Amino acid sequence: QMPVDHSRYTRLLEKLRHIEGVRKVFVASGIRYDMVMGDQRCGMAFMDELVRHHVSGQLKLAPEHSDPGLLDLMGKGGTEDLLDFRERFFTISRDAGKNQFLTYYFIAAYPGSEERHMQELQRFAAQELQIAPEQVQVFTPTPGTWASVMYHTGRNPFTGQPLHVARELSEKRRQKDLLTEKR
């Protein structure tokens, strides 16, 4: 695994704040919270700079799911990182006197996802994040990605194990509706 280091990103954000004529530079999305939390050396300094100076009131994160197996297929860390990031985000916001929010991007019908996974994600969102997701993306294969390999082969490309793949529009819709509680 490659080491994660947010020091250059932090320095860039700090420099941008001091450019004459530039009022604000905002980051709205694209933060890998799992990588920030995994950066033992610079992650918290990055978070402090980001949350205090570069969030316009809302930051969008992409946990996409809560199931450990699906997160592993996505190459993402577990929900602990998300919850730790969330807690730290609100602590920094409060300390800075800012009323800021997190919004979340979720995905339905990712290769390997079944209805039971979506029910668990709905429970996680309601109980742990205290939200009721409204916008959920249905997985679409994108050329050149491992997820597309999984979608087209119905197998985990790293282990060869079979994966459930939602191919019918009705199943994709059910998975999405389970998360948004449209039954």
C-alpha atoms as a PDB file:
ATOM      1  CA  GLN A   1       0.000   0.000   0.000  1.00  0.00           C
ATOM      2  CA  MET A   2       1.183   3.480  -0.822  1.00  0.00           C
ATOM      3  CA  PRO A   3       1.723   5.809   2.122  1.00  0.00           C
ATOM      4  CA  VAL A   4      -0.854   8.579   2.465  1.00  0.00           C
ATOM      5  CA  ASP A   5       0.466  12.092   3.054  1.00  0.00           C
ATOM      6  CA  HIS A   6      -1.743  15.195   3.092  1.00  0.00           C
ATOM      7  CA  SER A   7       1.106  17.615   3.866  1.00  0.00           C
ATOM      8  CA  ARG A   8       1.390  19.017   0.317  1.00  0.00           C
ATOM      9  CA  TYR A   9      -2.385  19.410   0.023  1.00  0.00           C
ATOM     10  CA  THR A  10      -2.459  21.194   3.382  1.00  0.00           C
ATOM     11  CA  ARG A  11       0.347  23.563   2.341  1.00  0.00           C
ATOM     12  CA  LEU A  12      -1.458  24.286  -0.945  1.00  0.00           C
ATOM     13  CA  LEU A  13      -4.689  25.167   0.864  1.00  0.00           C
ATOM     14  CA  GLU A  14      -2.763  27.399   3.265  1.00  0.00           C
ATOM     15  CA  LYS A  15      -1.036  29.199   0.362  1.00  0.00           C
ATOM     16  CA  LEU A  16      -4.314  29.686  -1.490  1.00  0.00           C
ATOM     17  CA  ARG A  17      -5.762  31.456   1.552  1.00  0.00           C
ATOM     18  CA  HIS A  18      -3.011  34.045   1.354  1.00  0.00           C
ATOM     19  CA  ILE A  19      -3.153  34.946  -2.347  1.00  0.00           C
ATOM     20  CA  GLU A  20      -4.017  38.605  -2.666  1.00  0.00           C
ATOM     21  CA  GLY A  21      -7.363  39.126  -4.373  1.00  0.00           C
ATOM     22  CA  VAL A  22      -8.621  35.612  -3.684  1.00  0.00           C
ATOM     23  CA  ARG A  23     -11.355  35.717  -1.091  1.00  0.00           C
ATOM     24  CA  LYS A  24     -12.092  32.031  -0.600  1.00  0.00           C
ATOM     25  CA  VAL A  25     -11.211  28.655  -2.050  1.00  0.00           C
ATOM     26  CA  PHE A  26     -13.787  26.012  -1.224  1.00  0.00           C
ATOM     27  CA  VAL A  27     -13.613  22.235  -1.384  1.00  0.00           C
ATOM     28  CA  ALA A  28     -17.092  20.787  -1.840  1.00  0.00           C
ATOM     29  CA  SER A  29     -16.337  17.090  -2.383  1.00  0.00           C
ATOM     30  CA  GLY A  30     -13.658  14.614  -3.357  1.00  0.00           C
ATOM     31  CA  ILE A  31     -12.229  14.047   0.120  1.00  0.00           C
ATOM     32  CA  ARG A  32     -11.319  10.431   0.887  1.00  0.00           C
ATOM     33  CA  TYR A  33     -12.168  10.467   4.591  1.00  0.00           C
ATOM     34  CA  ASP A  34     -10.617   7.023   5.050  1.00  0.00           C
ATOM     35  CA  MET A  35      -7.293   8.298   3.737  1.00  0.00           C
ATOM     36  CA  VAL A  36      -7.459  11.437   5.872  1.00  0.00           C
ATOM     37  CA  MET A  37      -8.107   9.353   8.973  1.00  0.00           C
ATOM     38  CA  GLY A  38      -5.345   6.926   7.967  1.00  0.00           C
ATOM     39  CA  ASP A  39      -2.771   9.712   7.626  1.00  0.00           C
ATOM     40  CA  GLN A  40      -1.297   9.583  11.123  1.00  0.00           C
ATOM     41  CA  ARG A  41       1.249  12.306  10.450  1.00  0.00           C
ATOM     42  CA  CYS A  42      -0.729  14.979   8.559  1.00  0.00           C
ATOM     43  CA  GLY A  43      -4.392  13.971   8.473  1.00  0.00           C
ATOM     44  CA  MET A  44      -5.551  16.057  11.417  1.00  0.00           C
ATOM     45  CA  ALA A  45      -3.656  19.179  10.281  1.00  0.00           C
ATOM     46  CA  PHE A  46      -5.245  18.762   6.838  1.00  0.00           C
ATOM     47  CA  MET A  47      -8.683  18.372   8.373  1.00  0.00           C
ATOM     48  CA  ASP A  48      -8.220  21.438  10.527  1.00  0.00           C
ATOM     49  CA  GLU A  49      -7.193  23.566   7.525  1.00  0.00           C
ATOM     50  CA  LEU A  50      -9.987  22.173   5.360  1.00  0.00           C
ATOM     51  CA  VAL A  51     -12.832  22.507   7.865  1.00  0.00           C
ATOM     52  CA  ARG A  52     -11.826  25.905   9.277  1.00  0.00           C
ATOM     53  CA  HIS A  53     -11.107  27.639   5.973  1.00  0.00           C
ATOM     54  CA  HIS A  54     -12.270  25.701   2.906  1.00  0.00           C
ATOM     55  CA  VAL A  55     -15.822  24.417   3.476  1.00  0.00           C
ATOM     56  CA  SER A  56     -18.578  26.741   2.311  1.00  0.00           C
ATOM     57  CA  GLY A  57     -21.065  25.241   4.765  1.00  0.00           C
ATOM     58  CA  GLN A  58     -21.423  21.775   3.311  1.00  0.00           C
ATOM     59  CA  LEU A  59     -18.946  19.030   2.448  1.00  0.00           C
ATOM     60  CA  LYS A  60     -20.033  15.993   0.469  1.00  0.00           C
ATOM     61  CA  LEU A  61     -18.479  12.638   1.339  1.00  0.00           C
ATOM     62  CA  ALA A  62     -18.827   9.393  -0.557  1.00  0.00           C
ATOM     63  CA  PRO A  63     -19.045   6.515   1.890  1.00  0.00           C
ATOM     64  CA  GLU A  64     -21.098   4.764  -0.818  1.00  0.00           C
ATOM     65  CA  HIS A  65     -21.878   1.866   1.498  1.00  0.00           C
ATOM     66  CA  SER A  66     -21.496   0.460   5.011  1.00  0.00           C
ATOM     67  CA  ASP A  67     -21.009  -3.254   4.347  1.00  0.00           C
ATOM     68  CA  PRO A  68     -17.379  -4.301   4.999  1.00  0.00           C
ATOM     69  CA  GLY A  69     -17.335  -6.751   2.078  1.00  0.00           C
ATOM     70  CA  LEU A  70     -18.681  -4.209  -0.390  1.00  0.00           C
ATOM     71  CA  LEU A  71     -16.375  -1.497   0.915  1.00  0.00           C
ATOM     72  CA  ASP A  72     -13.469  -3.895   0.414  1.00  0.00           C
ATOM     73  CA  LEU A  73     -14.576  -4.488  -3.198  1.00  0.00           C
ATOM     74  CA  MET A  74     -14.640  -0.696  -3.633  1.00  0.00           C
ATOM     75  CA  GLY A  75     -11.170  -0.316  -2.137  1.00  0.00           C
ATOM     76  CA  LYS A  76     -12.516   1.777   0.731  1.00  0.00           C
ATOM     77  CA  GLY A  77     -12.023   1.721   4.476  1.00  0.00           C
ATOM     78  CA  GLY A  78     -14.668   0.811   7.000  1.00  0.00           C
ATOM     79  CA  THR A  79     -17.385   2.856   8.608  1.00  0.00           C
ATOM     80  CA  GLU A  80     -15.195   3.576  11.653  1.00  0.00           C
ATOM     81  CA  ASP A  81     -13.182   6.024   9.539  1.00  0.00           C
ATOM     82  CA  LEU A  82     -16.371   7.741   8.386  1.00  0.00           C
ATOM     83  CA  LEU A  83     -17.710   8.081  11.915  1.00  0.00           C
ATOM     84  CA  ASP A  84     -14.348   9.344  13.219  1.00  0.00           C
ATOM     85  CA  PHE A  85     -14.105  11.869  10.366  1.00  0.00           C
ATOM     86  CA  ARG A  86     -17.695  12.983  11.014  1.00  0.00           C
ATOM     87  CA  GLU A  87     -17.041  13.530  14.720  1.00  0.00           C
ATOM     88  CA  ARG A  88     -13.835  15.450  14.036  1.00  0.00           C
ATOM     89  CA  PHE A  89     -15.541  17.556  11.315  1.00  0.00           C
ATOM     90  CA  PHE A  90     -18.288  18.671  13.690  1.00  0.00           C
ATOM     91  CA  THR A  91     -15.820  19.311  16.520  1.00  0.00           C
ATOM     92  CA  ILE A  92     -13.624  21.549  14.349  1.00  0.00           C
ATOM     93  CA  SER A  93     -16.677  23.319  12.910  1.00  0.00           C
ATOM     94  CA  ARG A  94     -18.038  23.992  16.386  1.00  0.00           C
ATOM     95  CA  ASP A  95     -14.630  25.184  17.661  1.00  0.00           C
ATOM     96  CA  ALA A  96     -14.376  27.527  14.650  1.00  0.00           C
ATOM     97  CA  GLY A  97     -17.865  28.896  15.339  1.00  0.00           C
ATOM     98  CA  LYS A  98     -19.190  27.549  12.045  1.00  0.00           C
ATOM     99  CA  ASN A  99     -22.484  25.826  11.344  1.00  0.00           C
ATOM    100  CA  GLN A 100     -21.374  23.309   8.712  1.00  0.00           C
ATOM    101  CA  PHE A 101     -22.866  20.092   7.423  1.00  0.00           C
ATOM    102  CA  LEU A 102     -21.913  16.819   5.803  1.00  0.00           C
ATOM    103  CA  THR A 103     -23.905  15.247   3.005  1.00  0.00           C
ATOM    104  CA  TYR A 104     -23.355  11.721   1.784  1.00  0.00           C
ATOM    105  CA  TYR A 105     -23.207   9.971  -1.545  1.00  0.00           C
ATOM    106  CA  PHE A 106     -24.512   6.386  -1.560  1.00  0.00           C
ATOM    107  CA  ILE A 107     -24.684   3.752  -4.266  1.00  0.00           C
ATOM    108  CA  ALA A 108     -27.153   0.949  -4.919  1.00  0.00           C
ATOM    109  CA  ALA A 109     -26.645  -2.209  -6.984  1.00  0.00           C
ATOM    110  CA  TYR A 110     -22.832  -2.165  -6.802  1.00  0.00           C
ATOM    111  CA  PRO A 111     -21.480  -5.586  -7.813  1.00  0.00           C
ATOM    112  CA  GLY A 112     -21.871  -7.856  -4.792  1.00  0.00           C
ATOM    113  CA  SER A 113     -24.742  -5.810  -3.353  1.00  0.00           C
ATOM    114  CA  GLU A 114     -27.954  -7.547  -2.403  1.00  0.00           C
ATOM    115  CA  GLU A 115     -31.151  -6.217  -0.866  1.00  0.00           C
ATOM    116  CA  ARG A 116     -30.000  -7.195   2.632  1.00  0.00           C
ATOM    117  CA  HIS A 117     -26.952  -4.932   2.181  1.00  0.00           C
ATOM    118  CA  MET A 118     -29.195  -2.009   1.288  1.00  0.00           C
ATOM    119  CA  GLN A 119     -31.381  -2.634   4.327  1.00  0.00           C
ATOM    120  CA  GLU A 120     -28.283  -2.584   6.533  1.00  0.00           C
ATOM    121  CA  LEU A 121     -27.058   0.603   4.840  1.00  0.00           C
ATOM    122  CA  GLN A 122     -30.432   2.224   5.510  1.00  0.00           C
ATOM    123  CA  ARG A 123     -30.158   1.230   9.184  1.00  0.00           C
ATOM    124  CA  PHE A 124     -26.585   2.585   9.352  1.00  0.00           C
ATOM    125  CA  ALA A 125     -27.604   5.885   7.750  1.00  0.00           C
ATOM    126  CA  ALA A 126     -30.556   6.304  10.107  1.00  0.00           C
ATOM    127  CA  GLN A 127     -28.881   5.211  13.353  1.00  0.00           C
ATOM    128  CA  GLU A 128     -25.233   6.196  12.927  1.00  0.00           C
ATOM    129  CA  LEU A 129     -25.410   9.175  10.560  1.00  0.00           C
ATOM    130  CA  GLN A 130     -28.891  10.236  11.668  1.00  0.00           C
ATOM    131  CA  ILE A 131     -30.038  10.893   8.115  1.00  0.00           C
ATOM    132  CA  ALA A 132     -32.635   9.560   5.703  1.00  0.00           C
ATOM    133  CA  PRO A 133     -30.880   9.342   2.316  1.00  0.00           C
ATOM    134  CA  GLU A 134     -32.776  10.981  -0.502  1.00  0.00           C
ATOM    135  CA  GLN A 135     -30.286  10.847  -3.351  1.00  0.00           C
ATOM    136  CA  VAL A 136     -28.827   7.466  -4.189  1.00  0.00           C
ATOM    137  CA  GLN A 137     -26.920   6.649  -7.361  1.00  0.00           C
ATOM    138  CA  VAL A 138     -27.542   3.320  -9.063  1.00  0.00           C
ATOM    139  CA  PHE A 139     -24.257   1.705 -10.104  1.00  0.00           C
ATOM    140  CA  THR A 140     -23.341   2.187 -13.748  1.00  0.00           C
ATOM    141  CA  PRO A 141     -20.353   0.302 -15.185  1.00  0.00           C
ATOM    142  CA  THR A 142     -17.532   2.613 -16.195  1.00  0.00           C
ATOM    143  CA  PRO A 143     -14.947   1.334 -18.701  1.00  0.00           C
ATOM    144  CA  GLY A 144     -11.528   0.507 -17.312  1.00  0.00           C
ATOM    145  CA  THR A 145     -12.591  -0.034 -13.691  1.00  0.00           C
ATOM    146  CA  TRP A 146     -12.481  -3.092 -11.471  1.00  0.00           C
ATOM    147  CA  ALA A 147     -16.154  -2.519 -10.718  1.00  0.00           C
ATOM    148  CA  SER A 148     -16.955  -2.961 -14.414  1.00  0.00           C
ATOM    149  CA  VAL A 149     -14.973  -6.186 -14.461  1.00  0.00           C
ATOM    150  CA  MET A 150     -17.064  -7.381 -11.496  1.00  0.00           C
ATOM    151  CA  TYR A 151     -20.291  -6.289 -13.165  1.00  0.00           C
ATOM    152  CA  HIS A 152     -19.574  -8.030 -16.469  1.00  0.00           C
ATOM    153  CA  THR A 153     -18.040 -11.229 -15.092  1.00  0.00           C
ATOM    154  CA  GLY A 154     -20.078 -11.613 -11.910  1.00  0.00           C
ATOM    155  CA  ARG A 155     -16.822 -12.423 -10.094  1.00  0.00           C
ATOM    156  CA  ASN A 156     -14.410 -10.778  -7.718  1.00  0.00           C
ATOM    157  CA  PRO A 157     -11.365 -10.239  -9.981  1.00  0.00           C
ATOM    158  CA  PHE A 158      -8.966 -10.671  -7.064  1.00  0.00           C
ATOM    159  CA  THR A 159     -10.325 -13.933  -5.665  1.00  0.00           C
ATOM    160  CA  GLY A 160     -12.394 -15.396  -8.503  1.00  0.00           C
ATOM    161  CA  GLN A 161     -15.334 -15.785  -6.120  1.00  0.00           C
ATOM    162  CA  PRO A 162     -18.804 -15.290  -7.641  1.00  0.00           C
ATOM    163  CA  LEU A 163     -20.624 -12.035  -6.880  1.00  0.00           C
ATOM    164  CA  HIS A 164     -24.292 -11.223  -7.066  1.00  0.00           C
ATOM    165  CA  VAL A 165     -24.867  -8.621  -9.781  1.00  0.00           C
ATOM    166  CA  ALA A 166     -28.156  -6.747 -10.053  1.00  0.00           C
ATOM    167  CA  ARG A 167     -28.801  -6.626 -13.783  1.00  0.00           C
ATOM    168  CA  GLU A 168     -32.549  -6.113 -13.953  1.00  0.00           C
ATOM    169  CA  LEU A 169     -33.833  -2.563 -13.654  1.00  0.00           C
ATOM    170  CA  SER A 170     -36.480  -3.736 -11.173  1.00  0.00           C
ATOM    171  CA  GLU A 171     -33.848  -5.114  -8.772  1.00  0.00           C
ATOM    172  CA  LYS A 172     -31.692  -2.007  -9.103  1.00  0.00           C
ATOM    173  CA  ARG A 173     -34.726   0.114  -8.301  1.00  0.00           C
ATOM    174  CA  ARG A 174     -35.618  -2.082  -5.291  1.00  0.00           C
ATOM    175  CA  GLN A 175     -32.113  -1.713  -3.900  1.00  0.00           C
ATOM    176  CA  LYS A 176     -32.297   2.058  -4.264  1.00  0.00           C
ATOM    177  CA  ASP A 177     -35.793   2.213  -2.800  1.00  0.00           C
ATOM    178  CA  LEU A 178     -34.752   0.165   0.240  1.00  0.00           C
ATOM    179  CA  LEU A 179     -32.226   2.850   1.109  1.00  0.00           C
ATOM    180  CA  THR A 180     -34.572   5.758   0.507  1.00  0.00           C
ATOM    181  CA  GLU A 181     -37.421   3.845   2.203  1.00  0.00           C
ATOM    182  CA  LYS A 182     -39.712   3.927  -0.813  1.00  0.00           C
ATOM    183  CA  ARG A 183     -41.501   0.641  -0.405  1.00  0.00           C
END
